[in-house]
Amino acid sequence: MTSQGIVLTSRQFLAFILVSYAVVISMFIGDGLRNYLVLFAAVVGGMLFVLFRLNLQRQVFWAFLLFFIMTIQSLFMDDSRQLGSVALTFVYAMGYFAIAGLLDIIEDKRAFLMKVMRGVVFAFAILSVVQLLTSLVGLPIPNQIASKGIWSYNSLANEPSQLGRIVGISMLCYLVLSRLPGEPEPSRLRLKVLIAFVLTMLLSGSSLAAVAIIMVYVLSRFSLWSVLLVTIIVLMWPMFSLIDFEPLQRAILLANNMATLDIDKVMVADHSGGLRVAPLLIYFNDFTLAEAGFWLGYGTEGLIYFFQGNISGIGEDDIFAGFLPAFAVVYGGLVFVFFIWIFALRQANRATLPLIAFWAIFMTSSAWNTQVFWYGLITIYVTWAASRSDFRSLSVRAES
């Protein structure tokens, strides 16, 4: 009875932490759009290591080594802001490792995770429809945080492009898990999830979400057929400009101008998307392998040198740059690669490669101390854990 109670409680805690990393509820948002719900969930996750005596994964050792290096570098740079950033990274990582430890207790990982991912997609879809209906009749839009309103809804995210990332990788995780060995879900239920996914992404009005729909389909296949599909899309790329769908038009214009490497043209094409691409273009144009800072980091002063005042539409005193390339600028290329190996490449297998690709394409433009960035890493880990669990189950059956 006791063990059954512990398993049930662990499931509830796991679902709470996992969902907290996925959703944004306006009442928990503070200054700077900081989501205190996910920070609370991460701290609770840290306490669960004691409550449930969770096993520490080998990955934790490498992560502590990473945080130690980041801390030493911050002390060497004598930068209190950088130390605060390391502390916040550690908090987000606590929730990540709590999910890893709790998932280790659960036996039916695949079924449990599919239920959670399915629930995330449905929750976003329901609130998106509610936001649409309330805006059409002129009522206050619930949970509206940073969206334009009519035909551009944030649902359970901060803003529409974040919705595209969260719902996109949740759907991809669901599809990848559904192809692992195990009891198949009813086709009618899978169709409902698919409809909810497409509806939510379209109602966001985000060009990123429009592209993410295609990428989820392609990456979920991850076969020769997906290569063929990508080839067809590339060959028919000019034809997409004839489709009268404004988010898709912005995405096409942005992609066409990225090839020029001209930051001003990229920003004019799609300001929202350009903001995420511009820092990477600036860094690629300005970095040099001969500098020690490229390998060992420039500290936060490097962000000022590379990005401050160099992106149109951003204040002269403001800095806008995501994990790629800002993390590499602050901590250096060596620590950057170490981080990528610990939280992404170390978990690479046939099941997780599509999620790693989606995370690399859509989520590395987010700052590393944000929930959307860590939610992407979490989906990679839980998929990896489920795929390993199913592999062990098949091995046991074969031996018996």
Protein backbone atom coordinates (compact mmCIF):
# COMPACT_ATOMS: atom_id res chain seq x y z
CA MET A 1 0.00 0.00 0.00
CA THR A 2 2.80 2.35 0.91
CA SER A 3 4.68 1.74 -2.33
CA GLN A 4 1.48 2.21 -4.36
CA GLY A 5 0.86 5.51 -2.57
CA ILE A 6 4.40 6.66 -3.29
CA VAL A 7 4.09 5.76 -6.98
CA LEU A 8 0.78 7.64 -7.26
CA THR A 9 2.18 10.71 -5.52
CA SER A 10 5.31 10.67 -7.64
CA ARG A 11 3.14 10.67 -10.75
CA GLN A 12 1.26 13.71 -9.53
CA PHE A 13 4.45 15.59 -8.72
CA LEU A 14 5.97 14.62 -12.06
CA ALA A 15 2.91 15.82 -13.98
CA PHE A 16 2.83 19.09 -11.99
CA ILE A 17 6.50 19.93 -12.64
CA LEU A 18 6.36 18.90 -16.29
CA VAL A 19 3.22 20.92 -17.01
CA SER A 20 4.57 23.91 -15.06
CA TYR A 21 7.50 24.07 -17.47
CA ALA A 22 5.04 24.02 -20.40
CA VAL A 23 2.39 26.60 -19.45
CA VAL A 24 2.25 30.27 -18.54
CA ILE A 25 -0.61 31.59 -16.39
CA SER A 26 -0.85 35.38 -16.14
CA MET A 27 -1.45 35.45 -12.38
CA PHE A 28 2.01 33.92 -11.82
CA ILE A 29 3.86 36.34 -14.12
CA GLY A 30 6.07 38.97 -12.50
CA ASP A 31 8.34 41.74 -13.76
CA GLY A 32 10.18 40.97 -16.98
CA LEU A 33 7.63 38.23 -17.79
CA ARG A 34 9.32 35.93 -15.27
CA ASN A 35 7.12 32.87 -14.61
CA TYR A 36 7.18 32.21 -10.87
CA LEU A 37 5.09 29.06 -11.21
CA VAL A 38 7.90 27.23 -13.00
CA LEU A 39 10.46 28.50 -10.48
CA PHE A 40 8.27 27.23 -7.64
CA ALA A 41 7.90 23.87 -9.40
CA ALA A 42 11.69 23.66 -9.86
CA VAL A 43 12.33 24.34 -6.16
CA VAL A 44 9.69 21.75 -5.20
CA GLY A 45 11.48 19.33 -7.53
CA GLY A 46 14.71 19.90 -5.63
CA MET A 47 13.01 19.03 -2.33
CA LEU A 48 11.60 15.82 -3.84
CA PHE A 49 15.10 14.36 -4.03
CA VAL A 50 14.97 14.13 -0.24
CA LEU A 51 11.27 13.22 0.06
CA PHE A 52 11.39 10.32 -2.42
CA ARG A 53 15.11 9.56 -2.11
CA LEU A 54 15.43 9.91 -5.85
CA ASN A 55 18.40 8.37 -7.58
CA LEU A 56 20.96 10.83 -8.91
CA GLN A 57 21.58 10.15 -12.58
CA ARG A 58 25.14 10.16 -13.93
CA GLN A 59 24.10 13.21 -15.90
CA VAL A 60 23.85 15.13 -12.60
CA PHE A 61 27.60 14.74 -12.02
CA TRP A 62 28.41 16.29 -15.38
CA ALA A 63 25.90 19.09 -14.76
CA PHE A 64 27.47 19.94 -11.40
CA LEU A 65 30.86 20.06 -13.10
CA LEU A 66 29.38 22.42 -15.68
CA PHE A 67 27.89 24.70 -13.02
CA PHE A 68 31.19 24.67 -11.13
CA ILE A 69 33.05 25.83 -14.25
CA MET A 70 30.42 28.53 -14.88
CA THR A 71 30.71 29.72 -11.26
CA ILE A 72 34.52 29.81 -11.33
CA GLN A 73 34.42 31.81 -14.54
CA SER A 74 31.91 34.27 -13.03
CA LEU A 75 34.14 34.74 -9.98
CA PHE A 76 37.17 35.22 -12.21
CA MET A 77 35.28 37.89 -14.18
CA ASP A 78 34.14 39.43 -10.86
CA ASP A 79 30.62 39.73 -12.28
CA SER A 80 27.76 39.48 -9.76
CA ARG A 81 25.16 39.51 -12.56
CA GLN A 82 26.79 36.45 -14.11
CA LEU A 83 26.75 34.68 -10.72
CA GLY A 84 23.03 35.41 -10.41
CA SER A 85 22.52 33.92 -13.87
CA VAL A 86 24.36 30.74 -12.86
CA ALA A 87 22.14 30.45 -9.75
CA LEU A 88 19.00 30.80 -11.89
CA THR A 89 20.30 28.17 -14.33
CA PHE A 90 20.80 25.84 -11.36
CA VAL A 91 17.18 26.38 -10.26
CA TYR A 92 15.83 25.48 -13.70
CA ALA A 93 18.12 22.43 -13.73
CA MET A 94 16.70 21.26 -10.37
CA GLY A 95 13.28 20.85 -11.97
CA TYR A 96 14.87 19.07 -14.92
CA PHE A 97 16.64 16.54 -12.71
CA ALA A 98 13.59 16.11 -10.47
CA ILE A 99 11.64 15.06 -13.57
CA ALA A 100 14.45 12.64 -14.46
CA GLY A 101 14.45 11.13 -10.96
CA LEU A 102 10.65 10.85 -10.69
CA LEU A 103 10.38 9.33 -14.16
CA ASP A 104 12.85 6.65 -13.08
CA ILE A 105 10.27 5.44 -10.53
CA ILE A 106 7.48 5.08 -13.09
CA GLU A 107 7.32 1.85 -15.08
CA ASP A 108 4.87 2.70 -17.88
CA LYS A 109 6.84 5.76 -19.00
CA ARG A 110 5.57 5.81 -22.57
CA ALA A 111 1.85 5.72 -21.69
CA PHE A 112 2.25 8.29 -18.90
CA LEU A 113 4.22 10.74 -21.03
CA MET A 114 1.85 10.41 -23.98
CA LYS A 115 -1.03 11.27 -21.66
CA VAL A 116 0.78 14.36 -20.38
CA MET A 117 1.78 15.59 -23.85
CA ARG A 118 -1.70 14.95 -25.15
CA GLY A 119 -3.10 16.94 -22.23
CA VAL A 120 -0.73 19.86 -22.92
CA VAL A 121 -1.86 20.07 -26.57
CA PHE A 122 -5.55 19.87 -25.60
CA ALA A 123 -5.16 22.52 -22.87
CA PHE A 124 -3.55 24.97 -25.30
CA ALA A 125 -6.23 24.26 -27.91
CA ILE A 126 -9.14 24.79 -25.50
CA LEU A 127 -7.84 28.13 -24.25
CA SER A 128 -7.02 29.27 -27.81
CA VAL A 129 -10.64 28.66 -28.83
CA VAL A 130 -11.89 30.42 -25.68
CA GLN A 131 -9.65 33.41 -26.46
CA LEU A 132 -10.99 33.48 -30.03
CA LEU A 133 -14.63 33.40 -28.92
CA THR A 134 -14.19 36.05 -26.21
CA SER A 135 -12.39 38.39 -28.62
CA LEU A 136 -15.12 37.97 -31.25
CA VAL A 137 -17.91 38.88 -28.81
CA GLY A 138 -15.93 41.69 -27.21
CA LEU A 139 -15.34 40.12 -23.79
CA PRO A 140 -12.02 40.32 -21.90
CA ILE A 141 -9.60 37.73 -23.28
CA PRO A 142 -8.48 35.31 -20.54
CA ASN A 143 -4.73 34.89 -19.99
CA GLN A 144 -3.83 37.42 -22.68
CA ILE A 145 -0.24 38.42 -21.98
CA ALA A 146 1.71 39.45 -25.08
CA SER A 147 -0.41 38.92 -28.18
CA LYS A 148 -2.18 41.14 -30.71
CA GLY A 149 -5.65 39.75 -29.98
CA ILE A 150 -7.73 39.06 -33.09
CA TRP A 151 -6.36 35.93 -34.84
CA SER A 152 -3.18 36.04 -32.77
CA TYR A 153 -3.63 34.25 -29.45
CA ASN A 154 -1.03 33.24 -26.89
CA SER A 155 -3.22 30.64 -25.11
CA LEU A 156 -1.10 29.21 -22.25
CA ALA A 157 2.14 30.85 -23.43
CA ASN A 158 3.68 34.29 -23.00
CA GLU A 159 3.23 35.12 -26.66
CA PRO A 160 2.33 33.35 -29.94
CA SER A 161 5.85 32.34 -31.00
CA GLN A 162 6.44 30.71 -27.60
CA LEU A 163 3.20 28.81 -28.16
CA GLY A 164 4.62 27.55 -31.45
CA ARG A 165 7.67 26.17 -29.67
CA ILE A 166 5.89 24.58 -26.69
CA VAL A 167 2.96 23.06 -28.58
CA GLY A 168 5.22 22.08 -31.49
CA ILE A 169 7.71 20.08 -29.43
CA SER A 170 4.92 18.62 -27.26
CA MET A 171 3.19 17.30 -30.38
CA LEU A 172 6.46 16.00 -31.78
CA CYS A 173 7.19 14.26 -28.48
CA TYR A 174 3.70 12.71 -28.54
CA LEU A 175 4.18 11.42 -32.10
CA VAL A 176 7.65 10.00 -31.40
CA LEU A 177 6.42 8.26 -28.23
CA SER A 178 3.43 6.81 -30.10
CA ARG A 179 5.84 5.01 -32.45
CA LEU A 180 7.74 3.33 -29.63
CA PRO A 181 6.78 -0.27 -28.76
CA GLY A 182 3.60 -0.40 -26.71
CA GLU A 183 -0.17 -0.39 -26.90
CA PRO A 184 -1.31 1.88 -29.75
CA GLU A 185 -3.77 4.66 -29.02
CA PRO A 186 -7.17 4.70 -30.79
CA SER A 187 -6.89 6.37 -34.20
CA ARG A 188 -9.83 8.66 -33.34
CA LEU A 189 -7.97 9.98 -30.29
CA ARG A 190 -4.82 10.62 -32.32
CA LEU A 191 -6.92 12.50 -34.89
CA LYS A 192 -8.35 14.72 -32.13
CA VAL A 193 -4.83 15.51 -30.91
CA LEU A 194 -3.75 16.35 -34.46
CA ILE A 195 -6.74 18.66 -35.00
CA ALA A 196 -6.12 20.37 -31.65
CA PHE A 197 -2.46 20.87 -32.57
CA VAL A 198 -3.07 22.39 -36.00
CA LEU A 199 -5.93 24.59 -34.74
CA THR A 200 -3.82 25.96 -31.88
CA MET A 201 -0.84 26.70 -34.10
CA LEU A 202 -2.97 28.48 -36.72
CA LEU A 203 -4.86 30.56 -34.15
CA SER A 204 -1.54 31.82 -32.77
CA GLY A 205 -0.98 33.81 -35.96
CA SER A 206 2.76 33.21 -35.56
CA SER A 207 5.04 32.68 -38.54
CA LEU A 208 7.21 30.45 -36.34
CA ALA A 209 4.17 28.28 -35.53
CA ALA A 210 3.31 28.02 -39.22
CA VAL A 211 6.80 26.72 -40.02
CA ALA A 212 6.76 24.49 -36.92
CA ILE A 213 3.68 22.64 -38.21
CA ILE A 214 5.65 21.54 -41.27
CA MET A 215 8.75 20.73 -39.23
CA VAL A 216 6.80 18.59 -36.76
CA TYR A 217 5.42 16.52 -39.63
CA VAL A 218 8.81 16.15 -41.31
CA LEU A 219 10.76 15.37 -38.13
CA SER A 220 8.13 12.91 -36.85
CA ARG A 221 8.67 10.84 -39.99
CA PHE A 222 12.45 10.99 -39.86
CA SER A 223 12.97 8.63 -42.79
CA LEU A 224 13.80 8.66 -46.47
CA TRP A 225 10.27 9.96 -47.04
CA SER A 226 11.02 13.02 -44.90
CA VAL A 227 14.16 13.69 -46.96
CA LEU A 228 12.05 13.44 -50.12
CA LEU A 229 9.44 15.78 -48.61
CA VAL A 230 12.07 18.37 -47.70
CA THR A 231 13.43 18.17 -51.25
CA ILE A 232 9.96 18.76 -52.70
CA ILE A 233 9.39 21.71 -50.34
CA VAL A 234 12.70 23.29 -51.40
CA LEU A 235 11.89 22.83 -55.10
CA MET A 236 8.37 24.24 -54.67
CA TRP A 237 9.46 27.05 -52.34
CA PRO A 238 8.49 29.87 -54.77
CA MET A 239 4.95 28.46 -55.00
CA PHE A 240 4.37 28.97 -51.27
CA SER A 241 4.42 32.74 -51.82
CA LEU A 242 1.07 32.34 -53.60
CA ILE A 243 -0.63 31.05 -50.41
CA ASP A 244 -2.60 33.88 -48.83
CA PHE A 245 -1.71 33.19 -45.17
CA GLU A 246 0.06 36.12 -43.53
CA PRO A 247 2.18 34.18 -40.96
CA LEU A 248 3.45 31.87 -43.73
CA GLN A 249 4.19 34.88 -45.95
CA ARG A 250 6.33 36.43 -43.17
CA ALA A 251 8.21 33.16 -42.68
CA ILE A 252 8.96 32.89 -46.42
CA LEU A 253 10.13 36.52 -46.60
CA LEU A 254 12.37 35.99 -43.55
CA ALA A 255 13.91 32.81 -44.99
CA ASN A 256 14.56 34.48 -48.34
CA ASN A 257 16.32 37.44 -46.73
CA MET A 258 18.39 35.32 -44.30
CA ALA A 259 20.39 34.05 -47.28
CA THR A 260 21.66 37.61 -47.82
CA LEU A 261 23.13 37.77 -44.25
CA ASP A 262 21.94 41.40 -44.26
CA ILE A 263 20.58 42.13 -40.76
CA ASP A 264 18.57 45.17 -41.85
CA LYS A 265 16.79 43.20 -44.59
CA VAL A 266 16.08 40.34 -42.16
CA MET A 267 14.55 42.76 -39.63
CA VAL A 268 12.38 44.39 -42.30
CA ALA A 269 11.17 40.99 -43.55
CA ASP A 270 9.84 39.88 -40.14
CA HIS A 271 10.77 41.91 -37.08
CA SER A 272 9.74 39.23 -34.57
CA GLY A 273 11.61 36.44 -36.35
CA GLY A 274 14.50 38.75 -37.22
CA LEU A 275 15.10 39.54 -33.55
CA ARG A 276 15.88 35.86 -32.97
CA VAL A 277 18.13 35.50 -36.01
CA ALA A 278 20.01 38.83 -35.91
CA PRO A 279 22.26 38.05 -32.88
CA LEU A 280 23.48 34.85 -34.55
CA LEU A 281 24.25 36.69 -37.79
CA ILE A 282 26.12 39.39 -35.87
CA TYR A 283 28.21 36.82 -33.99
CA PHE A 284 29.04 34.86 -37.14
CA ASN A 285 30.20 38.05 -38.81
CA ASP A 286 32.31 39.33 -35.88
CA PHE A 287 33.84 36.37 -34.00
CA THR A 288 37.40 35.15 -34.58
CA LEU A 289 38.89 31.80 -33.62
CA ALA A 290 42.19 33.45 -32.71
CA GLU A 291 40.69 35.21 -29.67
CA ALA A 292 40.82 33.45 -26.30
CA GLY A 293 37.33 34.77 -25.59
CA PHE A 294 35.89 32.62 -28.35
CA TRP A 295 37.03 29.48 -26.51
CA LEU A 296 36.91 30.60 -22.85
CA GLY A 297 34.21 33.28 -22.92
CA TYR A 298 34.04 37.06 -22.81
CA GLY A 299 31.73 37.29 -19.77
CA THR A 300 28.69 39.57 -19.82
CA GLU A 301 30.88 42.35 -21.24
CA GLY A 302 30.98 40.33 -24.43
CA LEU A 303 27.22 40.73 -24.84
CA ILE A 304 27.67 44.50 -24.75
CA TYR A 305 30.51 44.35 -27.28
CA PHE A 306 28.71 42.14 -29.79
CA PHE A 307 25.05 43.08 -29.51
CA GLN A 308 24.33 46.34 -27.70
CA GLY A 309 23.07 48.95 -30.15
CA ASN A 310 23.61 46.65 -33.14
CA ILE A 311 20.03 45.42 -33.63
CA SER A 312 17.41 47.79 -35.01
CA GLY A 313 14.24 48.03 -32.97
CA ILE A 314 16.09 47.32 -29.72
CA GLY A 315 16.98 50.15 -27.34
CA GLU A 316 20.58 51.36 -27.26
CA ASP A 317 20.94 50.14 -23.67
CA ASP A 318 19.18 46.80 -24.22
CA ILE A 319 20.66 43.45 -25.24
CA PHE A 320 18.63 40.81 -27.08
CA ALA A 321 20.29 37.44 -27.67
CA GLY A 322 19.29 33.84 -26.97
CA PHE A 323 21.23 30.76 -25.89
CA LEU A 324 22.80 30.65 -29.34
CA PRO A 325 24.98 32.70 -29.49
CA ALA A 326 24.81 34.50 -26.09
CA PHE A 327 25.82 31.47 -23.99
CA ALA A 328 28.84 30.92 -26.23
CA VAL A 329 29.75 34.60 -25.93
CA VAL A 330 29.53 34.66 -22.11
CA TYR A 331 31.04 31.26 -21.28
CA GLY A 332 32.99 30.41 -24.42
CA GLY A 333 32.76 27.76 -27.10
CA LEU A 334 34.17 24.95 -24.94
CA VAL A 335 31.58 25.35 -22.16
CA PHE A 336 28.89 25.84 -24.80
CA VAL A 337 29.71 22.47 -26.39
CA PHE A 338 29.89 20.87 -22.93
CA PHE A 339 26.38 22.16 -22.12
CA ILE A 340 25.02 20.86 -25.45
CA TRP A 341 26.57 17.43 -24.81
CA ILE A 342 25.19 17.12 -21.25
CA PHE A 343 21.61 18.13 -21.97
CA ALA A 344 21.11 17.16 -25.63
CA LEU A 345 23.73 15.09 -27.45
CA ARG A 346 24.28 12.70 -24.53
CA GLN A 347 20.65 11.61 -24.94
CA ALA A 348 20.85 11.28 -28.72
CA ASN A 349 19.31 8.15 -30.23
CA ARG A 350 16.85 7.36 -33.00
CA ALA A 351 13.89 8.45 -30.87
CA THR A 352 15.35 11.73 -29.59
CA LEU A 353 17.06 13.01 -32.75
CA PRO A 354 13.84 14.63 -34.10
CA LEU A 355 13.34 16.48 -30.79
CA ILE A 356 16.99 17.56 -30.63
CA ALA A 357 16.63 18.94 -34.16
CA PHE A 358 13.41 20.82 -33.26
CA TRP A 359 15.03 22.20 -30.08
CA ALA A 360 18.11 23.33 -32.02
CA ILE A 361 16.05 25.03 -34.74
CA PHE A 362 13.34 26.71 -32.66
CA MET A 363 14.45 26.91 -29.02
CA THR A 364 18.13 27.84 -28.99
CA SER A 365 17.10 31.39 -29.94
CA SER A 366 15.53 31.65 -26.45
CA ALA A 367 17.61 32.68 -23.46
CA TRP A 368 18.91 29.72 -21.46
CA ASN A 369 17.24 30.90 -18.25
CA THR A 370 13.72 30.58 -19.63
CA GLN A 371 11.13 27.87 -19.25
CA VAL A 372 10.68 27.32 -22.99
CA PHE A 373 14.39 26.53 -23.38
CA TRP A 374 14.35 24.03 -20.51
CA TYR A 375 11.03 22.51 -21.56
CA GLY A 376 12.66 21.58 -24.86
CA LEU A 377 15.52 19.87 -23.01
CA ILE A 378 13.02 18.10 -20.75
CA THR A 379 11.10 16.64 -23.71
CA ILE A 380 14.39 15.32 -25.11
CA TYR A 381 15.22 13.63 -21.81
CA VAL A 382 11.78 12.07 -21.16
CA THR A 383 11.67 10.69 -24.71
CA TRP A 384 15.15 9.22 -24.21
CA ALA A 385 14.09 7.66 -20.89
CA ALA A 386 10.95 6.16 -22.43
CA SER A 387 12.87 4.75 -25.41
CA ARG A 388 15.47 3.14 -23.12
CA SER A 389 12.74 1.69 -20.92
CA ASP A 390 11.00 0.10 -23.89
CA PHE A 391 14.31 -1.27 -25.18
CA ARG A 392 15.00 -2.92 -21.81
CA SER A 393 11.46 -4.36 -21.73
CA LEU A 394 11.92 -5.90 -25.16
CA SER A 395 15.29 -7.34 -24.12
CA VAL A 396 13.76 -8.94 -21.02
CA ARG A 397 10.94 -10.47 -23.10
CA ALA A 398 13.43 -11.82 -25.62
CA GLU A 399 15.54 -13.45 -22.90
CA SER A 400 12.48 -15.01 -21.25
